[in-house]
Amino acid sequence: MAKTLSAKSFLELVQRSKLVSEGQLQRAMAEFEQARGGAWPQEPEPLADHLVAAHLLTRWQADNLLRGKYKGYFLGKFKLLGLLGSGGMSSVYLAEHTLMRRRQAIKVLPKKRVGDASYLDRFKLEALATAALDHPNIVRAYDIDQQGDIHYLVMEYVAGQDLQSLVVRDGPAEYEAAAAYIAQAAHALQYAHDRRLIHRDVKPANLLRDEHGTIKILDLGLALFSRDGEASLTLLHNENVLGTADYLAPEQALSSHDVDSRADIYSLGCTFYYLLTGHPPFPTGTLAQRIANHQTKMPPDIRRDRPDCPPELVEICVKMMQKHPSQRYQTMRDVADVLERWLAERQPAVPLPPAPAAIGVAATSAGRCDIPVTASEGRHRVGSHVLEPLPATTPDAAHATIAATAGATTREDRGPASPIIQLREPSSEEPEDQMDGSDSGRLDLGIEIVTTGPSSRRPRAAIDQRRDHPRRLVYVLVLGIAAIGLTVALVLAIRWWSSGASIREDSAVRALDRRPIVRPRD
């Protein structure tokens, strides 16, 4: 860096840039003089470093000011904070809204490209394509505007790095991470395909990973709308080959405007290959040779670079990169499904730390835990409690199946002698290093638990009462049925008695009717 500025000249440039207000600059300089005992440097670098440390300038702004550049830091309502990346078609800056203080990414079309109708139309197409999509794995576009002859696109800012930069920095990705990244990208591309939009430039540099591991697809400048009645820009401007040679589908090299969504599947497969090996499928040769290799050859086996690569991943990647579209996966949804199934099978069991000869825990695929309980004196820590088994009635180990989800209450006993599991507070005399397991997490056990010790709230009798609940229910049902039967019998008896009295009354009346009539004598 050429040191041609004096400290005074540097401060003048800061004032002219409007990046720092007059009051902020005066306070910062007063603090600078106080920290240095009133001494004033001749060189501008200490002043620049102080303003960066005070968060009044970014490192990018300070470096440009040291080079004598004091213009171009504001674009519309945004203040440019730094350069995120640049290419032949555009440059992307980190910017901050001057009023809302919200950070965005600003993609700027170079001035020299404004007169090129193809580039300007493609720039506007990217804004249209991105604005039409709303998916968590696709970078969102918020606005497109221009300031004079500068055209720019306001997009979501993703704090992270693209996958190409990550591989260059850290080497090939871990297998599970690579599969997860490609699955996320496949979901996003399926969303775009469902809206009849084909990306046509899928590559590691266009997949961003944020600080939480979420993949975001960007750069839809080459997107193709496969909607009826809409002309393709590639056809309009007579551009038959578009894309990046190292990730270009064979059919896309022949005609970019005649491809379908399976071209993106091929490019995503090449991206997967890059993540697994650290290089593109055909890393050497001229541009024409690499395009020809994609037409005629399959890339070298991934296991030449990664001998321990799981065969399932190799097969998935190879199928994605088949030369003929009909031999690939037919949709991105198929790609995501097969990768997610592989990831589900690879998920390691997350057991609780085992207690020797006492309690062993293993997670099952159904999301439940089987705890074998023996009659030994082993202990196990769960949260702030110690989990230990009460003595079993048989020497054989008994099992209690518990649900590992919060609030679960299901209990299934295996064997006639399943013991109650005891949960107690650790005693003050019990050294911490004798506890098995870790108290870093909590497990809500949906089984019968007895709490003992000073903090006990549930006596053993309560557990016995819970065991008697089914028997009592049977008793209540039997008594209820008996009461109903007696009631019915009583009603029938009353009706029988009433009908008998009526019969007797009728008989007496008939007997009276049959008596001879005695007439009085005259």
Protein backbone atom coordinates (compact mmCIF):
# COMPACT_ATOMS: atom_id res chain seq x y z
CA MET A 1 0.00 0.00 0.00
CA ALA A 2 1.50 3.32 -1.04
CA LYS A 3 1.73 5.71 1.90
CA THR A 4 1.23 9.02 0.15
CA LEU A 5 -1.28 10.60 2.54
CA SER A 6 -0.51 12.53 5.67
CA ALA A 7 -2.64 12.16 8.79
CA LYS A 8 -4.21 15.55 8.13
CA SER A 9 -5.04 14.66 4.52
CA PHE A 10 -6.57 11.40 5.65
CA LEU A 11 -8.92 13.18 8.06
CA GLU A 12 -9.95 15.53 5.28
CA LEU A 13 -10.86 12.57 3.08
CA VAL A 14 -12.90 11.05 5.92
CA GLN A 15 -14.85 14.29 6.23
CA ARG A 16 -15.44 14.53 2.48
CA SER A 17 -16.63 10.89 2.30
CA LYS A 18 -19.52 11.65 4.72
CA LEU A 19 -18.95 8.24 6.32
CA VAL A 20 -18.39 9.75 9.79
CA SER A 21 -20.27 12.72 11.17
CA GLU A 22 -18.34 15.79 12.36
CA GLY A 23 -19.23 15.19 16.01
CA GLN A 24 -18.22 11.52 15.90
CA LEU A 25 -14.91 12.38 14.26
CA GLN A 26 -14.06 15.06 16.83
CA ARG A 27 -14.79 12.72 19.75
CA ALA A 28 -12.76 9.95 18.15
CA MET A 29 -9.77 12.23 17.60
CA ALA A 30 -9.96 13.50 21.20
CA GLU A 31 -9.86 9.92 22.45
CA PHE A 32 -6.98 9.19 20.07
CA GLU A 33 -4.92 12.14 21.38
CA GLN A 34 -5.66 11.22 25.00
CA ALA A 35 -4.59 7.61 24.44
CA ARG A 36 -1.28 8.79 22.88
CA GLY A 37 -0.55 11.50 25.41
CA GLY A 38 -1.28 14.32 22.99
CA ALA A 39 1.14 13.07 20.33
CA TRP A 40 -0.06 13.30 16.74
CA PRO A 41 1.23 10.84 14.15
CA GLN A 42 2.60 11.82 10.79
CA GLU A 43 1.30 8.68 9.08
CA PRO A 44 -2.44 8.12 8.51
CA GLU A 45 -2.51 4.39 9.33
CA PRO A 46 -2.79 4.80 13.14
CA LEU A 47 -5.75 7.13 12.63
CA ALA A 48 -7.40 4.66 10.27
CA ASP A 49 -6.87 1.81 12.73
CA HIS A 50 -8.37 3.89 15.55
CA LEU A 51 -11.49 4.72 13.51
CA VAL A 52 -11.91 1.05 12.60
CA ALA A 53 -11.52 -0.01 16.25
CA ALA A 54 -14.15 2.60 17.20
CA HIS A 55 -16.52 1.06 14.60
CA LEU A 56 -16.79 4.34 12.73
CA LEU A 57 -15.21 2.87 9.58
CA THR A 58 -15.03 -0.64 8.22
CA ARG A 59 -11.67 -2.07 7.23
CA TRP A 60 -12.70 -1.90 3.57
CA GLN A 61 -13.67 1.77 3.86
CA ALA A 62 -10.46 2.66 5.69
CA ASP A 63 -8.27 0.91 3.10
CA ASN A 64 -10.01 2.73 0.26
CA LEU A 65 -9.64 6.08 2.03
CA LEU A 66 -5.94 5.39 2.53
CA ARG A 67 -5.74 4.96 -1.23
CA GLY A 68 -7.31 8.37 -1.68
CA LYS A 69 -10.83 7.15 -2.66
CA TYR A 70 -13.50 9.16 -0.90
CA LYS A 71 -16.43 8.75 -3.33
CA GLY A 72 -18.86 5.93 -4.06
CA TYR A 73 -19.69 4.83 -0.52
CA PHE A 74 -23.42 5.56 -0.83
CA LEU A 75 -25.90 4.03 -3.23
CA GLY A 76 -29.46 5.25 -2.91
CA LYS A 77 -30.52 4.70 0.70
CA PHE A 78 -27.60 2.38 1.42
CA LYS A 79 -24.09 2.90 2.76
CA LEU A 80 -21.57 0.42 1.36
CA LEU A 81 -19.59 -1.37 4.09
CA GLY A 82 -17.48 -3.83 2.15
CA LEU A 83 -16.98 -5.89 -0.99
CA LEU A 84 -18.39 -9.42 -0.70
CA GLY A 85 -17.38 -10.62 -4.16
CA SER A 86 -16.96 -9.61 -7.75
CA GLY A 87 -17.07 -11.17 -11.18
CA GLY A 88 -17.35 -10.33 -14.81
CA MET A 89 -21.06 -9.59 -14.61
CA SER A 90 -21.40 -7.83 -11.27
CA SER A 91 -19.95 -6.91 -7.90
CA VAL A 92 -21.68 -7.65 -4.60
CA TYR A 93 -21.31 -5.32 -1.62
CA LEU A 94 -22.35 -5.52 2.01
CA ALA A 95 -24.49 -2.46 2.66
CA GLU A 96 -26.45 -0.89 5.49
CA HIS A 97 -29.70 1.00 5.16
CA THR A 98 -28.94 4.52 6.32
CA LEU A 99 -32.18 4.86 8.30
CA MET A 100 -33.17 1.34 9.33
CA ARG A 101 -29.59 0.17 10.03
CA ARG A 102 -30.44 -3.16 8.39
CA ARG A 103 -27.73 -4.95 6.46
CA GLN A 104 -28.37 -6.11 2.91
CA ALA A 105 -26.36 -7.41 -0.01
CA ILE A 106 -26.22 -5.06 -2.99
CA LYS A 107 -25.41 -6.49 -6.41
CA VAL A 108 -24.16 -3.78 -8.75
CA LEU A 109 -23.97 -4.07 -12.52
CA PRO A 110 -20.68 -2.56 -13.74
CA LYS A 111 -21.01 0.67 -15.69
CA LYS A 112 -19.22 -0.85 -18.67
CA ARG A 113 -21.99 -3.49 -18.92
CA VAL A 114 -24.90 -1.06 -18.92
CA GLY A 115 -24.67 -0.53 -22.67
CA ASP A 116 -24.80 -4.29 -23.29
CA ALA A 117 -28.48 -5.19 -23.69
CA SER A 118 -27.78 -8.84 -22.93
CA TYR A 119 -26.18 -8.10 -19.55
CA LEU A 120 -28.75 -5.52 -18.54
CA ASP A 121 -31.67 -7.77 -19.48
CA ARG A 122 -30.06 -10.68 -17.64
CA PHE A 123 -29.59 -8.47 -14.58
CA LYS A 124 -33.27 -7.56 -14.62
CA LEU A 125 -34.18 -11.20 -15.17
CA GLU A 126 -32.31 -12.15 -12.02
CA ALA A 127 -34.35 -9.62 -10.07
CA LEU A 128 -37.57 -10.97 -11.57
CA ALA A 129 -36.64 -14.61 -10.99
CA THR A 130 -35.43 -14.09 -7.41
CA ALA A 131 -38.42 -11.93 -6.46
CA ALA A 132 -40.77 -14.69 -7.68
CA LEU A 133 -39.29 -17.19 -5.20
CA ASP A 134 -39.83 -17.31 -1.46
CA HIS A 135 -37.96 -20.26 0.02
CA PRO A 136 -35.69 -20.53 3.10
CA ASN A 137 -32.89 -21.99 0.95
CA ILE A 138 -32.97 -19.28 -1.74
CA VAL A 139 -31.50 -15.81 -1.28
CA ARG A 140 -34.36 -13.34 -1.42
CA ALA A 141 -34.47 -10.22 -3.60
CA TYR A 142 -36.09 -7.11 -2.12
CA ASP A 143 -35.69 -4.33 -4.68
CA ILE A 144 -34.09 -3.30 -7.96
CA ASP A 145 -33.14 0.30 -8.59
CA GLN A 146 -30.66 2.54 -10.31
CA GLN A 147 -28.73 5.68 -9.43
CA GLY A 148 -27.72 7.43 -12.60
CA ASP A 149 -26.13 4.78 -14.78
CA ILE A 150 -25.55 2.41 -11.86
CA HIS A 151 -28.08 -0.44 -11.72
CA TYR A 152 -28.27 -2.43 -8.50
CA LEU A 153 -30.25 -5.23 -6.91
CA VAL A 154 -31.01 -5.28 -3.16
CA MET A 155 -30.89 -8.81 -1.77
CA GLU A 156 -30.88 -10.73 1.49
CA TYR A 157 -27.51 -10.69 3.20
CA VAL A 158 -26.25 -14.12 4.20
CA ALA A 159 -23.46 -14.09 6.77
CA GLY A 160 -21.35 -17.02 5.67
CA GLN A 161 -19.26 -18.40 2.83
CA ASP A 162 -19.96 -20.13 -0.44
CA LEU A 163 -19.14 -23.83 -0.63
CA GLN A 164 -16.28 -23.32 -3.06
CA SER A 165 -14.52 -21.00 -0.62
CA LEU A 166 -15.12 -23.44 2.23
CA VAL A 167 -13.57 -26.33 0.31
CA VAL A 168 -10.60 -24.19 -0.73
CA ARG A 169 -10.08 -23.22 2.90
CA ASP A 170 -10.88 -26.47 4.72
CA GLY A 171 -10.61 -29.20 2.09
CA PRO A 172 -13.33 -31.71 1.07
CA ALA A 173 -16.45 -31.70 3.20
CA GLU A 174 -17.40 -34.40 5.70
CA TYR A 175 -19.73 -36.95 4.13
CA GLU A 176 -22.77 -36.15 6.26
CA ALA A 177 -22.25 -32.40 5.81
CA ALA A 178 -21.91 -32.74 2.02
CA ALA A 179 -25.08 -34.83 1.80
CA ALA A 180 -26.99 -32.34 3.96
CA TYR A 181 -25.85 -29.38 1.84
CA ILE A 182 -26.87 -31.04 -1.42
CA ALA A 183 -30.23 -32.14 0.04
CA GLN A 184 -31.01 -28.57 1.07
CA ALA A 185 -30.05 -27.27 -2.36
CA ALA A 186 -32.21 -29.95 -3.96
CA HIS A 187 -35.25 -28.82 -1.96
CA ALA A 188 -34.69 -25.21 -3.06
CA LEU A 189 -34.23 -26.15 -6.70
CA GLN A 190 -37.33 -28.35 -6.62
CA TYR A 191 -39.24 -25.32 -5.37
CA ALA A 192 -37.90 -23.30 -8.32
CA HIS A 193 -38.63 -26.12 -10.78
CA ASP A 194 -42.21 -26.35 -9.54
CA ARG A 195 -42.52 -22.72 -10.62
CA ARG A 196 -41.06 -23.62 -14.01
CA LEU A 197 -37.76 -21.86 -13.40
CA ILE A 198 -34.44 -23.58 -14.19
CA HIS A 199 -31.29 -22.22 -12.58
CA ARG A 200 -28.74 -23.29 -15.28
CA ASP A 201 -25.72 -22.19 -13.22
CA VAL A 202 -25.66 -24.48 -10.18
CA LYS A 203 -22.12 -24.65 -8.80
CA PRO A 204 -20.37 -24.51 -5.40
CA ALA A 205 -19.77 -20.76 -5.67
CA ASN A 206 -23.52 -20.19 -5.97
CA LEU A 207 -24.38 -22.12 -2.79
CA LEU A 208 -23.90 -20.11 0.38
CA ARG A 209 -23.70 -21.67 3.83
CA ASP A 210 -24.74 -19.37 6.64
CA GLU A 211 -23.49 -19.47 10.22
CA HIS A 212 -26.20 -22.00 11.14
CA GLY A 213 -25.33 -24.45 8.35
CA THR A 214 -28.27 -23.45 6.14
CA ILE A 215 -27.64 -23.49 2.40
CA LYS A 216 -28.82 -20.52 0.32
CA ILE A 217 -28.91 -20.56 -3.49
CA LEU A 218 -28.03 -17.33 -5.24
CA ASP A 219 -27.26 -15.93 -8.69
CA LEU A 220 -30.30 -16.54 -10.85
CA GLY A 221 -28.92 -14.37 -13.64
CA LEU A 222 -28.92 -17.33 -16.03
CA ALA A 223 -32.30 -18.66 -14.93
CA LEU A 224 -34.61 -19.92 -17.65
CA PHE A 225 -38.36 -19.40 -17.37
CA SER A 226 -39.95 -22.39 -19.09
CA ARG A 227 -43.34 -20.70 -19.29
CA ASP A 228 -45.41 -20.64 -22.41
CA GLY A 229 -45.22 -17.39 -24.34
CA GLU A 230 -42.03 -16.12 -22.67
CA ALA A 231 -38.94 -15.73 -24.82
CA SER A 232 -35.64 -17.01 -23.52
CA LEU A 233 -32.90 -14.42 -23.18
CA THR A 234 -30.40 -16.96 -24.44
CA LEU A 235 -32.41 -17.37 -27.61
CA LEU A 236 -33.09 -13.66 -27.91
CA HIS A 237 -29.40 -12.79 -27.75
CA ASN A 238 -28.24 -15.86 -29.71
CA GLU A 239 -26.40 -17.36 -26.71
CA ASN A 240 -26.44 -21.13 -27.06
CA VAL A 241 -23.91 -22.02 -24.34
CA LEU A 242 -24.38 -20.52 -20.89
CA GLY A 243 -23.18 -21.77 -17.55
CA THR A 244 -19.89 -22.76 -15.94
CA ALA A 245 -17.82 -25.30 -17.89
CA ASP A 246 -16.83 -27.40 -14.86
CA TYR A 247 -20.49 -28.01 -13.92
CA LEU A 248 -22.20 -27.86 -17.31
CA ALA A 249 -24.72 -30.57 -18.26
CA PRO A 250 -24.02 -32.23 -21.65
CA GLU A 251 -27.34 -31.12 -23.15
CA GLN A 252 -26.84 -27.58 -21.87
CA ALA A 253 -23.55 -27.34 -23.75
CA LEU A 254 -25.45 -28.07 -26.96
CA SER A 255 -28.29 -25.61 -26.38
CA SER A 256 -28.87 -23.70 -23.16
CA HIS A 257 -32.43 -22.69 -24.03
CA ASP A 258 -33.66 -26.26 -24.70
CA VAL A 259 -32.80 -27.79 -21.31
CA ASP A 260 -35.18 -28.92 -18.59
CA SER A 261 -34.83 -29.27 -14.83
CA ARG A 262 -32.61 -32.35 -15.17
CA ALA A 263 -29.76 -30.10 -16.32
CA ASP A 264 -29.74 -28.64 -12.80
CA ILE A 265 -29.56 -32.17 -11.41
CA TYR A 266 -26.38 -32.82 -13.41
CA SER A 267 -24.82 -29.56 -12.24
CA LEU A 268 -25.77 -30.30 -8.62
CA GLY A 269 -24.18 -33.75 -9.01
CA CYS A 270 -20.94 -32.10 -10.18
CA THR A 271 -21.19 -29.80 -7.16
CA PHE A 272 -21.60 -32.85 -4.93
CA TYR A 273 -18.52 -34.37 -6.58
CA TYR A 274 -16.59 -31.18 -5.80
CA LEU A 275 -17.60 -31.28 -2.14
CA LEU A 276 -16.53 -34.91 -1.81
CA THR A 277 -13.21 -34.69 -3.68
CA GLY A 278 -12.14 -31.06 -3.46
CA HIS A 279 -12.04 -30.54 -7.22
CA PRO A 280 -14.46 -30.51 -10.21
CA PRO A 281 -15.13 -33.74 -12.13
CA PHE A 282 -12.68 -32.72 -14.90
CA PRO A 283 -10.24 -30.23 -13.35
CA THR A 284 -7.66 -30.09 -16.15
CA GLY A 285 -7.64 -29.17 -19.81
CA THR A 286 -8.82 -26.25 -21.83
CA LEU A 287 -12.37 -24.92 -21.70
CA ALA A 288 -13.31 -26.87 -24.83
CA GLN A 289 -11.71 -30.05 -23.52
CA ARG A 290 -13.55 -29.87 -20.22
CA ILE A 291 -16.88 -29.33 -22.00
CA ALA A 292 -16.11 -32.28 -24.28
CA ASN A 293 -15.27 -34.48 -21.28
CA HIS A 294 -18.68 -33.73 -19.79
CA GLN A 295 -20.17 -34.90 -23.08
CA THR A 296 -18.35 -38.20 -23.38
CA LYS A 297 -16.69 -39.33 -20.14
CA MET A 298 -17.61 -40.21 -16.60
CA PRO A 299 -15.34 -38.56 -14.02
CA PRO A 300 -12.80 -40.59 -12.02
CA ASP A 301 -14.14 -42.60 -9.11
CA ILE A 302 -14.58 -40.48 -5.99
CA ARG A 303 -12.80 -43.17 -3.98
CA ARG A 304 -9.52 -42.37 -5.75
CA ASP A 305 -9.48 -39.23 -3.61
CA ARG A 306 -11.55 -40.49 -0.68
CA PRO A 307 -11.10 -44.30 -0.36
CA ASP A 308 -13.45 -44.40 2.65
CA CYS A 309 -16.31 -42.63 0.87
CA PRO A 310 -19.56 -44.55 1.52
CA PRO A 311 -20.59 -46.52 -1.61
CA GLU A 312 -24.15 -45.18 -1.33
CA LEU A 313 -22.93 -41.60 -1.73
CA VAL A 314 -20.80 -42.59 -4.70
CA GLU A 315 -23.81 -44.21 -6.37
CA ILE A 316 -26.02 -41.17 -5.72
CA CYS A 317 -23.44 -38.79 -7.15
CA VAL A 318 -22.80 -40.96 -10.20
CA LYS A 319 -26.51 -41.24 -10.97
CA MET A 320 -26.89 -37.47 -10.76
CA MET A 321 -24.10 -37.07 -13.33
CA GLN A 322 -25.33 -39.51 -15.95
CA LYS A 323 -24.85 -38.22 -19.48
CA HIS A 324 -28.39 -38.82 -20.66
CA PRO A 325 -31.10 -37.00 -18.69
CA SER A 326 -33.36 -40.07 -18.61
CA GLN A 327 -30.74 -42.01 -16.63
CA ARG A 328 -30.47 -39.44 -13.86
CA TYR A 329 -32.84 -38.83 -11.00
CA GLN A 330 -35.85 -37.27 -12.65
CA THR A 331 -36.62 -34.62 -10.03
CA MET A 332 -34.77 -32.77 -7.33
CA ARG A 333 -37.26 -34.21 -4.90
CA ASP A 334 -35.88 -37.67 -5.69
CA VAL A 335 -32.37 -36.40 -4.98
CA ALA A 336 -33.38 -34.88 -1.65
CA ASP A 337 -35.28 -38.01 -0.60
CA VAL A 338 -32.44 -40.44 -1.27
CA LEU A 339 -29.90 -38.23 0.51
CA GLU A 340 -32.15 -37.72 3.52
CA ARG A 341 -32.76 -41.46 3.79
CA TRP A 342 -29.01 -42.02 3.77
CA LEU A 343 -28.54 -39.35 6.42
CA ALA A 344 -31.27 -40.91 8.59
CA GLU A 345 -29.51 -44.26 8.44
CA ARG A 346 -26.18 -42.64 9.28
CA GLN A 347 -27.47 -40.72 12.29
CA PRO A 348 -25.51 -42.06 15.26
CA ALA A 349 -27.39 -43.35 18.29
CA VAL A 350 -27.37 -40.78 21.08
CA PRO A 351 -27.23 -42.93 24.22
CA LEU A 352 -27.07 -41.69 27.74
CA PRO A 353 -23.64 -42.29 29.29
CA PRO A 354 -23.64 -45.95 30.46
CA ALA A 355 -23.33 -47.01 34.09
CA PRO A 356 -21.15 -50.16 34.36
CA ALA A 357 -23.20 -53.30 35.07
CA ALA A 358 -26.17 -51.24 36.17
CA ILE A 359 -28.03 -49.30 33.50
CA GLY A 360 -27.34 -49.34 29.78
CA VAL A 361 -29.25 -47.05 27.49
CA ALA A 362 -29.56 -47.35 23.70
CA ALA A 363 -31.72 -45.21 21.43
CA THR A 364 -33.90 -47.11 18.99
CA SER A 365 -35.12 -46.01 15.58
CA ALA A 366 -38.62 -45.53 16.98
CA GLY A 367 -37.41 -42.77 19.28
CA ARG A 368 -37.63 -44.91 22.44
CA CYS A 369 -35.05 -46.09 24.93
CA ASP A 370 -34.67 -49.60 26.35
CA ILE A 371 -33.16 -49.57 29.81
CA PRO A 372 -31.99 -52.99 31.06
CA VAL A 373 -32.14 -52.87 34.87
CA THR A 374 -30.21 -55.32 37.04
CA ALA A 375 -30.08 -55.87 40.77
CA SER A 376 -26.56 -54.42 41.07
CA GLU A 377 -25.64 -51.32 43.01
CA GLY A 378 -24.94 -49.17 39.94
CA ARG A 379 -26.05 -45.57 39.80
CA HIS A 380 -26.77 -43.18 36.97
CA ARG A 381 -27.11 -39.41 37.03
CA VAL A 382 -30.13 -37.85 35.30
CA GLY A 383 -30.17 -34.07 35.59
CA SER A 384 -29.57 -33.26 39.25
CA HIS A 385 -30.78 -36.70 40.44
CA VAL A 386 -29.25 -40.12 40.70
CA LEU A 387 -31.12 -42.89 38.88
CA GLU A 388 -30.71 -46.36 40.33
CA PRO A 389 -32.76 -49.59 40.24
CA LEU A 390 -34.53 -51.10 43.21
CA PRO A 391 -33.76 -54.79 43.75
CA ALA A 392 -35.43 -57.12 41.26
CA THR A 393 -37.34 -60.12 42.51
CA THR A 394 -35.42 -62.45 40.20
CA PRO A 395 -31.69 -62.60 39.47
CA ASP A 396 -32.35 -62.13 35.77
CA ALA A 397 -32.28 -58.61 34.35
CA ALA A 398 -35.69 -57.04 33.74
CA HIS A 399 -36.50 -54.42 31.15
CA ALA A 400 -38.65 -51.32 31.21
CA THR A 401 -39.34 -49.60 27.91
CA ILE A 402 -39.68 -45.87 28.31
CA ALA A 403 -40.62 -43.11 25.88
CA ALA A 404 -37.80 -40.62 25.51
CA THR A 405 -40.12 -37.75 24.66
CA ALA A 406 -41.24 -35.04 27.05
CA GLY A 407 -44.43 -35.78 28.89
CA ALA A 408 -44.54 -39.45 27.87
CA THR A 409 -46.31 -41.77 30.30
CA THR A 410 -46.26 -45.08 28.46
CA ARG A 411 -44.91 -48.11 30.30
CA GLU A 412 -44.44 -51.57 28.91
CA ASP A 413 -42.93 -54.30 31.09
CA ARG A 414 -40.94 -57.14 29.66
CA GLY A 415 -40.95 -60.01 32.07
CA PRO A 416 -42.88 -60.58 35.26
CA ALA A 417 -40.28 -59.05 37.57
CA SER A 418 -39.77 -55.56 36.21
CA PRO A 419 -38.54 -53.38 39.08
CA ILE A 420 -39.44 -49.82 39.88
CA ILE A 421 -36.69 -47.34 38.97
CA GLN A 422 -35.68 -45.16 41.88
CA LEU A 423 -34.79 -41.48 41.42
CA ARG A 424 -33.15 -39.87 44.40
CA GLU A 425 -31.13 -36.80 45.32
CA PRO A 426 -27.37 -37.45 45.63
CA SER A 427 -26.17 -37.43 49.21
CA SER A 428 -23.66 -34.88 50.41
CA GLU A 429 -21.15 -37.65 51.20
CA GLU A 430 -21.33 -39.10 47.70
CA PRO A 431 -18.35 -37.82 45.70
CA GLU A 432 -19.15 -36.38 42.31
CA ASP A 433 -16.61 -38.56 40.53
CA GLN A 434 -18.51 -41.72 41.54
CA MET A 435 -21.54 -40.70 39.54
CA ASP A 436 -21.95 -42.27 36.13
CA GLY A 437 -23.15 -40.12 33.27
CA SER A 438 -23.42 -36.38 33.00
CA ASP A 439 -25.78 -33.78 34.41
CA SER A 440 -25.55 -31.58 31.32
CA GLY A 441 -29.03 -32.53 30.15
CA ARG A 442 -32.40 -33.74 31.43
CA LEU A 443 -34.43 -36.78 30.47
CA ASP A 444 -38.15 -36.86 31.25
CA LEU A 445 -38.73 -40.54 32.02
CA GLY A 446 -42.28 -41.63 31.38
CA ILE A 447 -42.12 -44.62 33.77
CA GLU A 448 -42.93 -45.29 37.40
CA ILE A 449 -40.40 -43.40 39.52
CA VAL A 450 -39.94 -43.38 43.27
CA THR A 451 -38.24 -40.32 44.77
CA THR A 452 -36.43 -40.94 48.05
CA GLY A 453 -34.38 -38.83 50.37
CA PRO A 454 -35.11 -35.49 52.05
CA SER A 455 -36.91 -34.10 49.00
CA SER A 456 -39.20 -37.11 48.62
CA ARG A 457 -42.77 -36.23 47.68
CA ARG A 458 -44.10 -39.56 46.45
CA PRO A 459 -44.11 -42.47 48.93
CA ARG A 460 -43.88 -46.06 47.81
CA ALA A 461 -47.50 -46.56 48.80
CA ALA A 462 -48.53 -44.18 46.05
CA ILE A 463 -46.87 -46.44 43.52
CA ASP A 464 -48.63 -49.50 44.96
CA GLN A 465 -51.91 -47.64 44.71
CA ARG A 466 -51.24 -46.90 41.07
CA ARG A 467 -50.62 -50.59 40.48
CA ASP A 468 -53.98 -51.39 42.11
CA HIS A 469 -55.92 -49.02 39.88
CA PRO A 470 -56.74 -51.62 37.18
CA ARG A 471 -57.98 -54.12 39.82
CA ARG A 472 -60.14 -51.51 41.49
CA LEU A 473 -61.61 -50.60 38.16
CA VAL A 474 -62.62 -54.23 37.65
CA TYR A 475 -64.24 -54.29 41.09
CA VAL A 476 -66.21 -51.15 40.32
CA LEU A 477 -67.39 -52.58 37.03
CA VAL A 478 -68.49 -55.86 38.67
CA LEU A 479 -70.35 -54.03 41.44
CA GLY A 480 -72.04 -51.80 38.90
CA ILE A 481 -73.19 -54.75 36.83
CA ALA A 482 -74.50 -56.49 39.97
CA ALA A 483 -76.43 -53.37 41.03
CA ILE A 484 -78.00 -53.12 37.60
CA GLY A 485 -78.97 -56.81 37.73
CA LEU A 486 -80.61 -56.43 41.15
CA THR A 487 -82.51 -53.38 39.96
CA VAL A 488 -83.83 -55.23 36.95
CA ALA A 489 -84.82 -58.22 39.10
CA LEU A 490 -86.67 -55.97 41.55
CA VAL A 491 -88.58 -54.28 38.73
CA LEU A 492 -89.56 -57.66 37.28
CA ALA A 493 -90.71 -58.89 40.69
CA ILE A 494 -92.88 -55.84 41.24
CA ARG A 495 -94.44 -56.25 37.83
CA TRP A 496 -95.07 -59.94 38.51
CA TRP A 497 -96.70 -59.17 41.84
CA SER A 498 -98.90 -56.49 40.29
CA SER A 499 -100.04 -58.82 37.52
CA GLY A 500 -100.87 -61.59 40.09
CA ALA A 501 -103.02 -59.26 42.18
CA SER A 502 -104.96 -58.28 39.10
CA ILE A 503 -105.61 -61.94 38.24
CA ARG A 504 -106.93 -62.66 41.76
CA GLU A 505 -109.22 -59.68 41.62
CA ASP A 506 -110.66 -60.83 38.30
CA SER A 507 -111.30 -64.33 39.69
CA ALA A 508 -113.23 -62.97 42.65
CA VAL A 509 -115.41 -60.89 40.38
CA ARG A 510 -116.23 -63.90 38.21
CA ALA A 511 -117.12 -65.98 41.27
CA LEU A 512 -119.59 -63.38 42.42
CA ASP A 513 -121.21 -63.34 39.01
CA ARG A 514 -121.83 -67.09 39.19
CA ARG A 515 -123.72 -67.00 42.55
CA PRO A 516 -127.49 -67.74 42.33
CA ILE A 517 -129.64 -64.73 42.57
CA VAL A 518 -131.88 -64.93 45.72
CA ARG A 519 -135.08 -63.06 45.39
CA PRO A 520 -136.95 -62.01 48.49
CA ARG A 521 -140.19 -63.74 49.16
CA ASP A 522 -143.34 -61.79 48.96
